[in-house]
């Protein structure tokens, strides 16, 4: 019989998997093909739970000072990596001025 600690761990694992599936659905449009399963109602509820958890995670990230929107200075635009040296000094200064500084770093 599983211990309480093991049940908590398994529950956390299930939550993490459902959030990953929700992110996959939101970013690519892919979903599990569960329509032919006998457990389709339970699977649908599980996937909806993942969507709810994903929404809550987004709300937490928006309120947190540890997260911000990505900018050109980050170098991840359209999947291409830009080195800071490639940006002109003027572009770099403009982008750096746009980046909000979290309160805990001031």
PDB file of N, CA and C in Angstrom:
ATOM      1  N   UNK A   1       0.846  -1.181   0.000  1.00  0.00           N
ATOM      2  CA  UNK A   1       0.000   0.000   0.000  1.00  0.00           C
ATOM      3  C   UNK A   1       0.893   1.246   0.000  1.00  0.00           C
ATOM      4  N   UNK A   2       0.602   2.198  -0.891  1.00  0.00           N
ATOM      5  CA  UNK A   2       1.443   3.398  -0.957  1.00  0.00           C
ATOM      6  C   UNK A   2       1.280   4.272   0.287  1.00  0.00           C
ATOM      7  N   UNK A   3       2.380   4.904   0.637  1.00  0.00           N
ATOM      8  CA  UNK A   3       2.347   5.809   1.782  1.00  0.00           C
ATOM      9  C   UNK A   3       1.749   7.143   1.358  1.00  0.00           C
ATOM     10  N   UNK A   4       1.481   7.981   2.347  1.00  0.00           N
ATOM     11  CA  UNK A   4       0.929   9.310   2.071  1.00  0.00           C
ATOM     12  C   UNK A   4       1.898  10.118   1.211  1.00  0.00           C
ATOM     13  N   UNK A   5       3.186  10.013   1.510  1.00  0.00           N
ATOM     14  CA  UNK A   5       4.207  10.736   0.747  1.00  0.00           C
ATOM     15  C   UNK A   5       4.210  10.288  -0.714  1.00  0.00           C
ATOM     16  N   UNK A   6       4.067   9.004  -0.949  1.00  0.00           N
ATOM     17  CA  UNK A   6       4.032   8.492  -2.316  1.00  0.00           C
ATOM     18  C   UNK A   6       2.786   8.961  -3.063  1.00  0.00           C
ATOM     19  N   UNK A   7       1.659   9.018  -2.370  1.00  0.00           N
ATOM     20  CA  UNK A   7       0.429   9.512  -2.998  1.00  0.00           C
ATOM     21  C   UNK A   7       0.561  10.980  -3.392  1.00  0.00           C
ATOM     22  N   UNK A   8       1.172  11.784  -2.520  1.00  0.00           N
ATOM     23  CA  UNK A   8       1.404  13.200  -2.839  1.00  0.00           C
ATOM     24  C   UNK A   8       2.316  13.307  -4.056  1.00  0.00           C
ATOM     25  N   UNK A   9       3.357  12.503  -4.089  1.00  0.00           N
ATOM     26  CA  UNK A   9       4.300  12.526  -5.209  1.00  0.00           C
ATOM     27  C   UNK A   9       3.611  12.136  -6.515  1.00  0.00           C
ATOM     28  N   UNK A  10       2.808  11.106  -6.486  1.00  0.00           N
ATOM     29  CA  UNK A  10       2.080  10.662  -7.680  1.00  0.00           C
ATOM     30  C   UNK A  10       1.088  11.739  -8.133  1.00  0.00           C
ATOM     31  N   UNK A  11       0.399  12.360  -7.181  1.00  0.00           N
ATOM     32  CA  UNK A  11      -0.529  13.439  -7.522  1.00  0.00           C
ATOM     33  C   UNK A  11       0.180  14.608  -8.176  1.00  0.00           C
ATOM     34  N   UNK A  12       1.347  14.969  -7.648  1.00  0.00           N
ATOM     35  CA  UNK A  12       2.127  16.055  -8.243  1.00  0.00           C
ATOM     36  C   UNK A  12       2.575  15.677  -9.651  1.00  0.00           C
ATOM     37  N   UNK A  13       2.993  14.438  -9.845  1.00  0.00           N
ATOM     38  CA  UNK A  13       3.396  13.980 -11.177  1.00  0.00           C
ATOM     39  C   UNK A  13       2.239  14.060 -12.172  1.00  0.00           C
ATOM     40  N   UNK A  14       1.053  13.626 -11.748  1.00  0.00           N
ATOM     41  CA  UNK A  14      -0.119  13.716 -12.622  1.00  0.00           C
ATOM     42  C   UNK A  14      -0.446  15.173 -12.967  1.00  0.00           C
ATOM     43  N   UNK A  15      -0.325  16.066 -11.991  1.00  0.00           N
ATOM     44  CA  UNK A  15      -0.585  17.486 -12.241  1.00  0.00           C
ATOM     45  C   UNK A  15       0.425  18.041 -13.234  1.00  0.00           C
ATOM     46  N   UNK A  16       1.686  17.694 -13.064  1.00  0.00           N
ATOM     47  CA  UNK A  16       2.725  18.179 -13.966  1.00  0.00           C
ATOM     48  C   UNK A  16       2.505  17.680 -15.390  1.00  0.00           C
ATOM     49  N   UNK A  17       2.146  16.427 -15.535  1.00  0.00           N
ATOM     50  CA  UNK A  17       1.880  15.872 -16.868  1.00  0.00           C
ATOM     51  C   UNK A  17       0.682  16.567 -17.507  1.00  0.00           C
ATOM     52  N   UNK A  18      -0.353  16.851 -16.729  1.00  0.00           N
ATOM     53  CA  UNK A  18      -1.531  17.515 -17.300  1.00  0.00           C
ATOM     54  C   UNK A  18      -1.207  18.939 -17.734  1.00  0.00           C
ATOM     55  N   UNK A  19      -0.335  19.634 -16.991  1.00  0.00           N
ATOM     56  CA  UNK A  19       0.069  20.991 -17.379  1.00  0.00           C
ATOM     57  C   UNK A  19       0.915  20.938 -18.652  1.00  0.00           C
ATOM     58  N   UNK A  20       1.784  19.955 -18.757  1.00  0.00           N
ATOM     59  CA  UNK A  20       2.586  19.802 -19.978  1.00  0.00           C
ATOM     60  C   UNK A  20       1.680  19.540 -21.180  1.00  0.00           C
ATOM     61  N   UNK A  21       0.685  18.687 -21.018  1.00  0.00           N
ATOM     62  CA  UNK A  21      -0.256  18.415 -22.115  1.00  0.00           C
ATOM     63  C   UNK A  21      -1.064  19.659 -22.472  1.00  0.00           C
ATOM     64  N   UNK A  22      -1.416  20.471 -21.471  1.00  0.00           N
ATOM     65  CA  UNK A  22      -2.141  21.716 -21.742  1.00  0.00           C
ATOM     66  C   UNK A  22      -1.258  22.688 -22.520  1.00  0.00           C
ATOM     67  N   UNK A  23       0.014  22.786 -22.147  1.00  0.00           N
ATOM     68  CA  UNK A  23       0.940  23.646 -22.881  1.00  0.00           C
ATOM     69  C   UNK A  23       1.140  23.172 -24.307  1.00  0.00           C
ATOM     70  N   UNK A  24       1.229  21.863 -24.489  1.00  0.00           N
ATOM     71  CA  UNK A  24       1.347  21.294 -25.830  1.00  0.00           C
ATOM     72  C   UNK A  24       0.116  21.638 -26.665  1.00  0.00           C
ATOM     73  N   UNK A  25      -1.053  21.532 -26.056  1.00  0.00           N
ATOM     74  CA  UNK A  25      -2.300  21.856 -26.755  1.00  0.00           C
ATOM     75  C   UNK A  25      -2.346  23.330 -27.130  1.00  0.00           C
ATOM     76  N   UNK A  26      -1.976  24.211 -26.204  1.00  0.00           N
ATOM     77  CA  UNK A  26      -2.040  25.649 -26.466  1.00  0.00           C
ATOM     78  C   UNK A  26      -1.040  26.091 -27.528  1.00  0.00           C
ATOM     79  N   UNK A  27       0.152  25.496 -27.530  1.00  0.00           N
ATOM     80  CA  UNK A  27       1.200  25.958 -28.437  1.00  0.00           C
ATOM     81  C   UNK A  27       1.172  25.292 -29.803  1.00  0.00           C
ATOM     82  N   UNK A  28       0.695  24.060 -29.882  1.00  0.00           N
ATOM     83  CA  UNK A  28       0.731  23.347 -31.159  1.00  0.00           C
ATOM     84  C   UNK A  28      -0.636  22.951 -31.681  1.00  0.00           C
ATOM     85  N   UNK A  29      -1.621  22.873 -30.795  1.00  0.00           N
ATOM     86  CA  UNK A  29      -2.938  22.418 -31.205  1.00  0.00           C
ATOM     87  C   UNK A  29      -3.104  20.906 -31.122  1.00  0.00           C
ATOM     88  N   UNK A  30      -2.046  20.187 -30.762  1.00  0.00           N
ATOM     89  CA  UNK A  30      -2.135  18.736 -30.629  1.00  0.00           C
ATOM     90  C   UNK A  30      -2.842  18.355 -29.336  1.00  0.00           C
ATOM     91  N   UNK A  31      -3.691  17.344 -29.422  1.00  0.00           N
ATOM     92  CA  UNK A  31      -4.393  16.818 -28.249  1.00  0.00           C
ATOM     93  C   UNK A  31      -4.284  15.296 -28.258  1.00  0.00           C
ATOM     94  N   UNK A  32      -4.545  14.703 -27.118  1.00  0.00           N
ATOM     95  CA  UNK A  32      -4.579  13.243 -27.044  1.00  0.00           C
ATOM     96  C   UNK A  32      -5.777  12.720 -27.832  1.00  0.00           C
ATOM     97  N   UNK A  33      -5.592  11.615 -28.517  1.00  0.00           N
ATOM     98  CA  UNK A  33      -6.697  10.965 -29.228  1.00  0.00           C
ATOM     99  C   UNK A  33      -7.372  10.018 -28.247  1.00  0.00           C
ATOM    100  N   UNK A  34      -8.297  10.551 -27.485  1.00  0.00           N
ATOM    101  CA  UNK A  34      -8.930   9.772 -26.419  1.00  0.00           C
ATOM    102  C   UNK A  34     -10.386   9.431 -26.718  1.00  0.00           C
ATOM    103  N   UNK A  35     -10.888   9.799 -27.865  1.00  0.00           N
ATOM    104  CA  UNK A  35     -12.305   9.622 -28.171  1.00  0.00           C
ATOM    105  C   UNK A  35     -12.725   8.158 -28.197  1.00  0.00           C
ATOM    106  N   UNK A  36     -11.809   7.264 -28.545  1.00  0.00           N
ATOM    107  CA  UNK A  36     -12.156   5.845 -28.649  1.00  0.00           C
ATOM    108  C   UNK A  36     -11.989   5.100 -27.329  1.00  0.00           C
ATOM    109  N   UNK A  37     -11.489   5.770 -26.323  1.00  0.00           N
ATOM    110  CA  UNK A  37     -11.253   5.124 -25.032  1.00  0.00           C
ATOM    111  C   UNK A  37     -12.546   5.022 -24.225  1.00  0.00           C
ATOM    112  N   UNK A  38     -12.624   3.987 -23.405  1.00  0.00           N
ATOM    113  CA  UNK A  38     -13.767   3.835 -22.507  1.00  0.00           C
ATOM    114  C   UNK A  38     -13.726   4.866 -21.378  1.00  0.00           C
ATOM    115  N   UNK A  39     -12.572   5.419 -21.144  1.00  0.00           N
ATOM    116  CA  UNK A  39     -12.386   6.378 -20.050  1.00  0.00           C
ATOM    117  C   UNK A  39     -12.403   7.824 -20.541  1.00  0.00           C
ATOM    118  N   UNK A  40     -13.065   8.077 -21.675  1.00  0.00           N
ATOM    119  CA  UNK A  40     -12.977   9.402 -22.284  1.00  0.00           C
ATOM    120  C   UNK A  40     -13.486  10.516 -21.378  1.00  0.00           C
ATOM    121  N   UNK A  41     -14.504  10.267 -20.561  1.00  0.00           N
ATOM    122  CA  UNK A  41     -14.992  11.316 -19.658  1.00  0.00           C
ATOM    123  C   UNK A  41     -13.944  11.679 -18.618  1.00  0.00           C
ATOM    124  N   UNK A  42     -13.252  10.669 -18.091  1.00  0.00           N
ATOM    125  CA  UNK A  42     -12.209  10.922 -17.096  1.00  0.00           C
ATOM    126  C   UNK A  42     -10.999  11.606 -17.725  1.00  0.00           C
ATOM    127  N   UNK A  43     -10.643  11.185 -18.933  1.00  0.00           N
ATOM    128  CA  UNK A  43      -9.515  11.804 -19.629  1.00  0.00           C
ATOM    129  C   UNK A  43      -9.834  13.253 -19.953  1.00  0.00           C
ATOM    130  N   UNK A  44     -11.062  13.540 -20.384  1.00  0.00           N
ATOM    131  CA  UNK A  44     -11.463  14.913 -20.678  1.00  0.00           C
ATOM    132  C   UNK A  44     -11.373  15.775 -19.423  1.00  0.00           C
ATOM    133  N   UNK A  45     -11.842  15.252 -18.286  1.00  0.00           N
ATOM    134  CA  UNK A  45     -11.755  15.992 -17.019  1.00  0.00           C
ATOM    135  C   UNK A  45     -10.304  16.230 -16.624  1.00  0.00           C
ATOM    136  N   UNK A  46      -9.459  15.226 -16.829  1.00  0.00           N
ATOM    137  CA  UNK A  46      -8.034  15.344 -16.509  1.00  0.00           C
ATOM    138  C   UNK A  46      -7.376  16.422 -17.366  1.00  0.00           C
ATOM    139  N   UNK A  47      -7.682  16.430 -18.664  1.00  0.00           N
ATOM    140  CA  UNK A  47      -7.108  17.439 -19.554  1.00  0.00           C
ATOM    141  C   UNK A  47      -7.644  18.832 -19.232  1.00  0.00           C
ATOM    142  N   UNK A  48      -8.911  18.946 -18.879  1.00  0.00           N
ATOM    143  CA  UNK A  48      -9.470  20.237 -18.468  1.00  0.00           C
ATOM    144  C   UNK A  48      -8.816  20.733 -17.184  1.00  0.00           C
ATOM    145  N   UNK A  49      -8.501  19.810 -16.279  1.00  0.00           N
ATOM    146  CA  UNK A  49      -7.801  20.161 -15.049  1.00  0.00           C
ATOM    147  C   UNK A  49      -6.412  20.720 -15.377  1.00  0.00           C
ATOM    148  N   UNK A  50      -5.742  20.128 -16.358  1.00  0.00           N
ATOM    149  CA  UNK A  50      -4.444  20.628 -16.805  1.00  0.00           C
ATOM    150  C   UNK A  50      -4.545  22.023 -17.394  1.00  0.00           C
ATOM    151  N   UNK A  51      -5.605  22.276 -18.163  1.00  0.00           N
ATOM    152  CA  UNK A  51      -5.822  23.616 -18.722  1.00  0.00           C
ATOM    153  C   UNK A  51      -6.027  24.633 -17.598  1.00  0.00           C
ATOM    154  N   UNK A  52      -6.798  24.253 -16.585  1.00  0.00           N
ATOM    155  CA  UNK A  52      -7.030  25.134 -15.439  1.00  0.00           C
ATOM    156  C   UNK A  52      -5.714  25.434 -14.722  1.00  0.00           C
ATOM    157  N   UNK A  53      -4.908  24.403 -14.470  1.00  0.00           N
ATOM    158  CA  UNK A  53      -3.624  24.608 -13.796  1.00  0.00           C
ATOM    159  C   UNK A  53      -2.691  25.475 -14.633  1.00  0.00           C
ATOM    160  N   UNK A  54      -2.718  25.289 -15.951  1.00  0.00           N
ATOM    161  CA  UNK A  54      -1.891  26.096 -16.849  1.00  0.00           C
ATOM    162  C   UNK A  54      -2.314  27.563 -16.782  1.00  0.00           C
ATOM    163  N   UNK A  55      -3.624  27.826 -16.764  1.00  0.00           N
ATOM    164  CA  UNK A  55      -4.126  29.197 -16.629  1.00  0.00           C
ATOM    165  C   UNK A  55      -3.682  29.819 -15.311  1.00  0.00           C
ATOM    166  N   UNK A  56      -3.740  29.044 -14.234  1.00  0.00           N
ATOM    167  CA  UNK A  56      -3.316  29.552 -12.927  1.00  0.00           C
ATOM    168  C   UNK A  56      -1.822  29.850 -12.917  1.00  0.00           C
ATOM    169  N   UNK A  57      -1.035  29.018 -13.570  1.00  0.00           N
ATOM    170  CA  UNK A  57       0.402  29.249 -13.665  1.00  0.00           C
ATOM    171  C   UNK A  57       0.692  30.545 -14.419  1.00  0.00           C
ATOM    172  N   UNK A  58      -0.055  30.804 -15.476  1.00  0.00           N
ATOM    173  CA  UNK A  58       0.114  32.043 -16.237  1.00  0.00           C
ATOM    174  C   UNK A  58      -0.239  33.248 -15.375  1.00  0.00           C
ATOM    175  N   UNK A  59      -1.315  33.153 -14.598  1.00  0.00           N
ATOM    176  CA  UNK A  59      -1.697  34.255 -13.708  1.00  0.00           C
ATOM    177  C   UNK A  59      -0.605  34.541 -12.693  1.00  0.00           C
ATOM    178  N   UNK A  60      -0.019  33.497 -12.131  1.00  0.00           N
ATOM    179  CA  UNK A  60       1.059  33.673 -11.154  1.00  0.00           C
ATOM    180  C   UNK A  60       2.265  34.336 -11.812  1.00  0.00           C
ATOM    181  N   UNK A  61       2.611  33.911 -13.019  1.00  0.00           N
ATOM    182  CA  UNK A  61       3.757  34.488 -13.723  1.00  0.00           C
ATOM    183  C   UNK A  61       3.523  35.957 -14.053  1.00  0.00           C
ATOM    184  N   UNK A  62       2.294  36.329 -14.414  1.00  0.00           N
ATOM    185  CA  UNK A  62       1.997  37.725 -14.733  1.00  0.00           C
ATOM    186  C   UNK A  62       2.110  38.622 -13.514  1.00  0.00           C
ATOM    187  N   UNK A  63       1.732  38.117 -12.338  1.00  0.00           N
ATOM    188  CA  UNK A  63       1.787  38.918 -11.116  1.00  0.00           C
ATOM    189  C   UNK A  63       3.188  38.980 -10.515  1.00  0.00           C
ATOM    190  N   UNK A  64       4.032  38.033 -10.844  1.00  0.00           N
ATOM    191  CA  UNK A  64       5.340  37.920 -10.215  1.00  0.00           C
ATOM    192  C   UNK A  64       6.331  38.916 -10.805  1.00  0.00           C
ATOM    193  N   UNK A  65       7.217  39.405  -9.966  1.00  0.00           N
ATOM    194  CA  UNK A  65       8.274  40.296 -10.451  1.00  0.00           C
ATOM    195  C   UNK A  65       9.436  39.496 -11.028  1.00  0.00           C
ATOM    196  N   UNK A  66       9.414  38.186 -10.917  1.00  0.00           N
ATOM    197  CA  UNK A  66      10.479  37.346 -11.444  1.00  0.00           C
ATOM    198  C   UNK A  66      10.302  37.029 -12.925  1.00  0.00           C
ATOM    199  N   UNK A  67       9.152  37.352 -13.504  1.00  0.00           N
ATOM    200  CA  UNK A  67       8.883  37.092 -14.907  1.00  0.00           C
ATOM    201  C   UNK A  67       8.586  38.400 -15.619  1.00  0.00           C
ATOM    202  N   UNK A  68       8.940  38.457 -16.899  1.00  0.00           N
ATOM    203  CA  UNK A  68       8.622  39.602 -17.742  1.00  0.00           C
ATOM    204  C   UNK A  68       8.472  39.100 -19.168  1.00  0.00           C
ATOM    205  N   UNK A  69       7.934  39.965 -20.026  1.00  0.00           N
ATOM    206  CA  UNK A  69       7.802  39.614 -21.435  1.00  0.00           C
ATOM    207  C   UNK A  69       9.190  39.573 -22.068  1.00  0.00           C
ATOM    208  N   UNK A  70       9.347  38.721 -23.048  1.00  0.00           N
ATOM    209  CA  UNK A  70      10.608  38.598 -23.763  1.00  0.00           C
ATOM    210  C   UNK A  70      10.832  39.826 -24.641  1.00  0.00           C
ATOM    211  N   UNK A  71      12.073  40.276 -24.748  1.00  0.00           N
ATOM    212  CA  UNK A  71      12.394  41.428 -25.589  1.00  0.00           C
ATOM    213  C   UNK A  71      13.514  41.052 -26.559  1.00  0.00           C
ATOM    214  N   UNK A  72      13.852  41.979 -27.458  1.00  0.00           N
ATOM    215  CA  UNK A  72      14.898  41.717 -28.445  1.00  0.00           C
ATOM    216  C   UNK A  72      16.246  41.459 -27.787  1.00  0.00           C
ATOM    217  N   UNK A  73      16.473  42.082 -26.660  1.00  0.00           N
ATOM    218  CA  UNK A  73      17.757  41.917 -25.984  1.00  0.00           C
ATOM    219  C   UNK A  73      17.950  40.490 -25.489  1.00  0.00           C
ATOM    220  N   UNK A  74      16.867  39.753 -25.298  1.00  0.00           N
ATOM    221  CA  UNK A  74      16.972  38.363 -24.865  1.00  0.00           C
ATOM    222  C   UNK A  74      17.552  37.475 -25.962  1.00  0.00           C
ATOM    223  N   UNK A  75      17.299  37.827 -27.221  1.00  0.00           N
ATOM    224  CA  UNK A  75      17.889  37.106 -28.331  1.00  0.00           C
ATOM    225  C   UNK A  75      17.174  35.836 -28.742  1.00  0.00           C
ATOM    226  N   UNK A  76      15.917  35.683 -28.425  1.00  0.00           N
ATOM    227  CA  UNK A  76      15.203  34.466 -28.781  1.00  0.00           C
ATOM    228  C   UNK A  76      14.063  34.738 -29.760  1.00  0.00           C
ATOM    229  N   UNK A  77      14.148  35.797 -30.526  1.00  0.00           N
ATOM    230  CA  UNK A  77      13.063  36.150 -31.437  1.00  0.00           C
ATOM    231  C   UNK A  77      13.010  35.197 -32.619  1.00  0.00           C
ATOM    232  N   UNK A  78      11.846  34.672 -32.874  1.00  0.00           N
ATOM    233  CA  UNK A  78      11.571  33.798 -34.018  1.00  0.00           C
ATOM    234  C   UNK A  78      12.538  32.623 -34.077  1.00  0.00           C
ATOM    235  N   UNK A  79      12.934  32.135 -32.917  1.00  0.00           N
ATOM    236  CA  UNK A  79      13.783  30.960 -32.867  1.00  0.00           C
ATOM    237  C   UNK A  79      15.240  31.204 -33.194  1.00  0.00           C
ATOM    238  N   UNK A  80      15.618  32.445 -33.493  1.00  0.00           N
ATOM    239  CA  UNK A  80      17.015  32.722 -33.807  1.00  0.00           C
ATOM    240  C   UNK A  80      17.699  33.324 -32.596  1.00  0.00           C
ATOM    241  N   UNK A  81      18.943  32.965 -32.409  1.00  0.00           N
ATOM    242  CA  UNK A  81      19.712  33.473 -31.283  1.00  0.00           C
ATOM    243  C   UNK A  81      20.588  34.616 -31.774  1.00  0.00           C
ATOM    244  N   UNK A  82      20.413  35.793 -31.167  1.00  0.00           N
ATOM    245  CA  UNK A  82      21.221  36.950 -31.526  1.00  0.00           C
ATOM    246  C   UNK A  82      22.193  37.216 -30.394  1.00  0.00           C
ATOM    247  N   UNK A  83      23.433  37.422 -30.752  1.00  0.00           N
ATOM    248  CA  UNK A  83      24.410  37.793 -29.742  1.00  0.00           C
ATOM    249  C   UNK A  83      24.276  39.280 -29.471  1.00  0.00           C
ATOM    250  N   UNK A  84      24.522  39.653 -28.240  1.00  0.00           N
ATOM    251  CA  UNK A  84      24.405  41.061 -27.866  1.00  0.00           C
ATOM    252  C   UNK A  84      25.376  41.902 -28.683  1.00  0.00           C
ATOM    253  N   UNK A  85      26.535  41.330 -29.035  1.00  0.00           N
ATOM    254  CA  UNK A  85      27.519  42.086 -29.822  1.00  0.00           C
ATOM    255  C   UNK A  85      26.989  42.461 -31.203  1.00  0.00           C
ATOM    256  N   UNK A  86      26.018  41.688 -31.725  1.00  0.00           N
ATOM    257  CA  UNK A  86      25.476  41.964 -33.049  1.00  0.00           C
ATOM    258  C   UNK A  86      24.567  43.191 -33.056  1.00  0.00           C
ATOM    259  N   UNK A  87      24.027  43.536 -31.924  1.00  0.00           N
ATOM    260  CA  UNK A  87      23.162  44.702 -31.846  1.00  0.00           C
ATOM    261  C   UNK A  87      24.019  45.957 -31.763  1.00  0.00           C
ATOM    262  N   UNK A  88      23.585  46.994 -32.441  1.00  0.00           N
ATOM    263  CA  UNK A  88      24.331  48.245 -32.339  1.00  0.00           C
ATOM    264  C   UNK A  88      24.174  48.808 -30.935  1.00  0.00           C
ATOM    265  N   UNK A  89      25.079  49.687 -30.542  1.00  0.00           N
ATOM    266  CA  UNK A  89      25.020  50.280 -29.203  1.00  0.00           C
ATOM    267  C   UNK A  89      23.710  51.025 -28.993  1.00  0.00           C
ATOM    268  N   UNK A  90      23.221  51.691 -30.038  1.00  0.00           N
ATOM    269  CA  UNK A  90      21.971  52.438 -29.917  1.00  0.00           C
ATOM    270  C   UNK A  90      20.800  51.476 -29.706  1.00  0.00           C
ATOM    271  N   UNK A  91      20.732  50.414 -30.499  1.00  0.00           N
ATOM    272  CA  UNK A  91      19.664  49.425 -30.343  1.00  0.00           C
ATOM    273  C   UNK A  91      19.713  48.798 -28.959  1.00  0.00           C
ATOM    274  N   UNK A  92      20.911  48.476 -28.519  1.00  0.00           N
ATOM    275  CA  UNK A  92      21.078  47.850 -27.218  1.00  0.00           C
ATOM    276  C   UNK A  92      20.610  48.776 -26.104  1.00  0.00           C
ATOM    277  N   UNK A  93      20.969  50.046 -26.194  1.00  0.00           N
ATOM    278  CA  UNK A  93      20.556  51.013 -25.173  1.00  0.00           C
ATOM    279  C   UNK A  93      19.038  51.191 -25.179  1.00  0.00           C
ATOM    280  N   UNK A  94      18.433  51.245 -26.373  1.00  0.00           N
ATOM    281  CA  UNK A  94      16.977  51.397 -26.465  1.00  0.00           C
ATOM    282  C   UNK A  94      16.263  50.189 -25.872  1.00  0.00           C
ATOM    283  N   UNK A  95      16.727  48.997 -26.207  1.00  0.00           N
ATOM    284  CA  UNK A  95      16.092  47.789 -25.684  1.00  0.00           C
ATOM    285  C   UNK A  95      16.282  47.665 -24.177  1.00  0.00           C
ATOM    286  N   UNK A  96      17.465  48.004 -23.696  1.00  0.00           N
ATOM    287  CA  UNK A  96      17.724  47.905 -22.265  1.00  0.00           C
ATOM    288  C   UNK A  96      16.846  48.883 -21.496  1.00  0.00           C
ATOM    289  N   UNK A  97      16.583  50.054 -22.086  1.00  0.00           N
ATOM    290  CA  UNK A  97      15.731  51.050 -21.428  1.00  0.00           C
ATOM    291  C   UNK A  97      14.283  50.570 -21.362  1.00  0.00           C
ATOM    292  N   UNK A  98      13.857  49.747 -22.313  1.00  0.00           N
ATOM    293  CA  UNK A  98      12.479  49.253 -22.341  1.00  0.00           C
ATOM    294  C   UNK A  98      12.236  48.133 -21.334  1.00  0.00           C
ATOM    295  N   UNK A  99      13.288  47.430 -20.954  1.00  0.00           N
ATOM    296  CA  UNK A  99      13.140  46.275 -20.068  1.00  0.00           C
ATOM    297  C   UNK A  99      12.847  46.760 -18.658  1.00  0.00           C
ATOM    298  N   UNK A 100      11.675  46.395 -18.105  1.00  0.00           N
ATOM    299  CA  UNK A 100      11.355  46.828 -16.738  1.00  0.00           C
ATOM    300  C   UNK A 100      12.227  46.097 -15.728  1.00  0.00           C
ATOM    301  N   UNK A 101      12.683  46.824 -14.729  1.00  0.00           N
ATOM    302  CA  UNK A 101      13.509  46.221 -13.687  1.00  0.00           C
ATOM    303  C   UNK A 101      12.619  45.758 -12.556  1.00  0.00           C
ATOM    304  N   UNK A 102      12.737  44.497 -12.160  1.00  0.00           N
ATOM    305  CA  UNK A 102      11.965  44.009 -11.020  1.00  0.00           C
ATOM    306  C   UNK A 102      12.328  44.768  -9.749  1.00  0.00           C
ATOM    307  N   UNK A 103      11.355  44.941  -8.880  1.00  0.00           N
ATOM    308  CA  UNK A 103      11.551  45.717  -7.659  1.00  0.00           C
ATOM    309  C   UNK A 103      12.617  45.109  -6.762  1.00  0.00           C
ATOM    310  N   UNK A 104      12.744  43.798  -6.759  1.00  0.00           N
ATOM    311  CA  UNK A 104      13.707  43.164  -5.861  1.00  0.00           C
ATOM    312  C   UNK A 104      15.152  43.356  -6.312  1.00  0.00           C
ATOM    313  N   UNK A 105      15.390  43.859  -7.539  1.00  0.00           N
ATOM    314  CA  UNK A 105      16.746  44.100  -8.018  1.00  0.00           C
ATOM    315  C   UNK A 105      17.196  45.540  -7.827  1.00  0.00           C
ATOM    316  N   UNK A 106      16.290  46.427  -7.456  1.00  0.00           N
ATOM    317  CA  UNK A 106      16.662  47.837  -7.260  1.00  0.00           C
ATOM    318  C   UNK A 106      17.350  48.039  -5.936  1.00  0.00           C
TER     319      UNK A 106
END
